[in-house]
């Protein structure tokens, strides 16, 4: 009876471990700069990627909900195709700092999610508002 219980617990523990391992592999990202990805794209061909860079000026082409552009940093660039499965941020434009999530396919980063850094005018407004709040609260 005790051996059956130990075997059952071992099977349950192995199953939970396998589920955790494979599900985390699907939802984890490798964080890279454009230069790192451009230097060795084959190394990252089977991974979920989160790539940082800037939208190259003059490269953005919008096609309905989809978009194509070059992501650049330090004179390195990679082509990106956004599939339109989520909404592009309002601050997404040429020259914007962006973080692109996706996978490489034939040398192109196919993305389903893009985040952009807030424009400096919003950051300035936020800073001014927080300073006013701090003064009124005596901080």
Protein backbone atom coordinates (compact mmCIF):
# COMPACT_ATOMS: atom_id res chain seq x y z
CA UNK A 1 0.00 0.00 0.00
CA UNK A 2 2.81 2.40 0.91
CA UNK A 3 4.65 1.67 -2.37
CA UNK A 4 1.50 2.35 -4.43
CA UNK A 5 1.10 5.69 -2.65
CA UNK A 6 4.73 6.66 -3.34
CA UNK A 7 4.39 5.67 -7.02
CA UNK A 8 1.17 7.70 -7.33
CA UNK A 9 2.81 10.76 -5.73
CA UNK A 10 5.83 10.38 -8.04
CA UNK A 11 3.61 10.27 -11.13
CA UNK A 12 1.68 13.34 -9.98
CA UNK A 13 4.87 15.26 -9.20
CA UNK A 14 6.41 14.34 -12.58
CA UNK A 15 3.22 15.42 -14.38
CA UNK A 16 3.10 18.77 -12.61
CA UNK A 17 6.79 19.32 -13.31
CA UNK A 18 6.36 18.55 -17.01
CA UNK A 19 3.37 20.89 -17.30
CA UNK A 20 5.27 23.69 -15.58
CA UNK A 21 8.35 23.19 -17.77
CA UNK A 22 6.54 23.11 -21.12
CA UNK A 23 4.07 25.89 -20.33
CA UNK A 24 6.83 28.25 -19.13
CA UNK A 25 8.73 27.57 -22.35
CA UNK A 26 5.73 28.82 -24.36
CA UNK A 27 5.29 32.01 -22.32
CA UNK A 28 8.91 32.96 -21.64
CA UNK A 29 10.79 35.45 -23.82
CA UNK A 30 14.45 35.98 -24.62
CA UNK A 31 15.18 39.71 -24.22
CA UNK A 32 17.57 41.07 -26.86
CA UNK A 33 18.70 44.28 -28.48
CA UNK A 34 18.54 44.49 -32.27
CA UNK A 35 22.32 44.14 -32.52
CA UNK A 36 22.34 40.86 -30.62
CA UNK A 37 19.65 39.39 -32.87
CA UNK A 38 21.20 40.70 -36.08
CA UNK A 39 24.59 39.25 -35.10
CA UNK A 40 23.31 35.67 -34.76
CA UNK A 41 19.71 35.18 -35.93
CA UNK A 42 20.08 31.39 -36.29
CA UNK A 43 20.77 31.09 -32.56
CA UNK A 44 17.33 32.53 -31.77
CA UNK A 45 15.25 30.93 -34.55
CA UNK A 46 13.10 28.72 -32.29
CA UNK A 47 12.60 31.12 -29.38
CA UNK A 48 9.99 33.64 -28.30
CA UNK A 49 11.82 36.94 -28.61
CA UNK A 50 11.41 40.36 -27.05
CA UNK A 51 13.58 42.73 -29.08
CA UNK A 52 14.38 46.36 -28.24
CA UNK A 53 15.23 49.09 -30.70
CA UNK A 54 13.88 52.09 -32.61
CA UNK A 55 11.46 52.16 -35.55
CA UNK A 56 13.68 53.25 -38.45
CA UNK A 57 12.58 56.52 -39.99
CA UNK A 58 11.23 56.00 -43.51
CA UNK A 59 10.65 52.25 -43.09
CA UNK A 60 7.11 52.08 -41.67
CA UNK A 61 4.43 50.71 -44.01
CA UNK A 62 0.92 50.24 -42.60
CA UNK A 63 -1.41 47.80 -44.32
CA UNK A 64 -4.77 47.88 -42.53
CA UNK A 65 -4.15 46.46 -39.05
CA UNK A 66 -0.77 45.08 -40.11
CA UNK A 67 2.52 46.95 -40.33
CA UNK A 68 6.00 46.36 -41.72
CA UNK A 69 9.08 48.28 -40.60
CA UNK A 70 12.74 48.04 -39.70
CA UNK A 71 13.78 47.94 -36.06
CA UNK A 72 17.24 49.48 -35.59
CA UNK A 73 19.83 50.11 -32.92
CA UNK A 74 23.52 51.00 -33.21
CA UNK A 75 23.51 50.76 -37.03
CA UNK A 76 22.07 47.21 -36.93
CA UNK A 77 18.54 46.50 -38.14
CA UNK A 78 16.05 43.69 -38.55
CA UNK A 79 12.82 43.60 -40.57
CA UNK A 80 9.60 43.28 -38.59
CA UNK A 81 6.12 42.25 -39.71
CA UNK A 82 3.36 43.04 -37.22
CA UNK A 83 0.43 40.67 -37.84
CA UNK A 84 -2.31 42.96 -36.50
CA UNK A 85 -3.59 40.47 -33.92
CA UNK A 86 -3.39 43.15 -31.22
CA UNK A 87 -3.67 46.93 -31.34
CA UNK A 88 -0.65 49.08 -32.07
CA UNK A 89 -0.01 51.70 -29.35
CA UNK A 90 -0.96 55.31 -30.11
CA UNK A 91 2.69 56.30 -29.66
CA UNK A 92 3.89 53.85 -32.35
CA UNK A 93 5.51 55.87 -35.14
CA UNK A 94 8.78 56.24 -37.00
CA UNK A 95 11.67 57.03 -34.67
CA UNK A 96 9.84 55.69 -31.59
CA UNK A 97 11.59 53.40 -29.12
CA UNK A 98 9.85 50.03 -29.34
CA UNK A 99 9.87 46.59 -27.79
CA UNK A 100 8.68 43.93 -30.22
CA UNK A 101 7.55 40.44 -29.20
CA UNK A 102 7.59 37.67 -31.78
CA UNK A 103 9.44 34.86 -33.54
CA UNK A 104 11.87 34.81 -36.42
CA UNK A 105 10.60 33.42 -39.71
CA UNK A 106 12.87 33.56 -42.78
CA UNK A 107 14.91 36.41 -41.31
CA UNK A 108 11.85 38.51 -40.41
CA UNK A 109 10.65 39.07 -36.85
CA UNK A 110 6.94 38.23 -37.00
CA UNK A 111 5.29 40.08 -34.15
CA UNK A 112 1.95 39.83 -32.41
CA UNK A 113 2.65 42.49 -29.76
CA UNK A 114 4.46 45.83 -29.81
CA UNK A 115 5.04 48.29 -26.97
CA UNK A 116 6.44 51.78 -27.37
CA UNK A 117 7.99 54.15 -24.89
CA UNK A 118 5.78 57.06 -23.95
CA UNK A 119 6.50 60.29 -25.74
CA UNK A 120 8.58 62.76 -23.75
CA UNK A 121 5.69 65.25 -23.63
CA UNK A 122 3.66 62.74 -21.60
CA UNK A 123 6.61 62.08 -19.30
CA UNK A 124 7.02 65.85 -18.72
CA UNK A 125 3.32 66.22 -17.88
CA UNK A 126 3.52 63.28 -15.48
CA UNK A 127 6.60 64.73 -13.79
CA UNK A 128 4.92 68.12 -13.34
CA UNK A 129 1.76 66.53 -11.95
CA UNK A 130 3.71 64.39 -9.46
CA UNK A 131 5.71 67.42 -8.28
CA UNK A 132 2.46 69.32 -7.65
CA UNK A 133 1.03 66.35 -5.75
CA UNK A 134 4.16 66.01 -3.64
CA UNK A 135 4.07 69.71 -2.71
CA UNK A 136 0.40 69.62 -1.74
CA UNK A 137 0.94 66.51 0.37
CA UNK A 138 4.01 67.98 2.04
CA UNK A 139 6.40 65.37 0.63
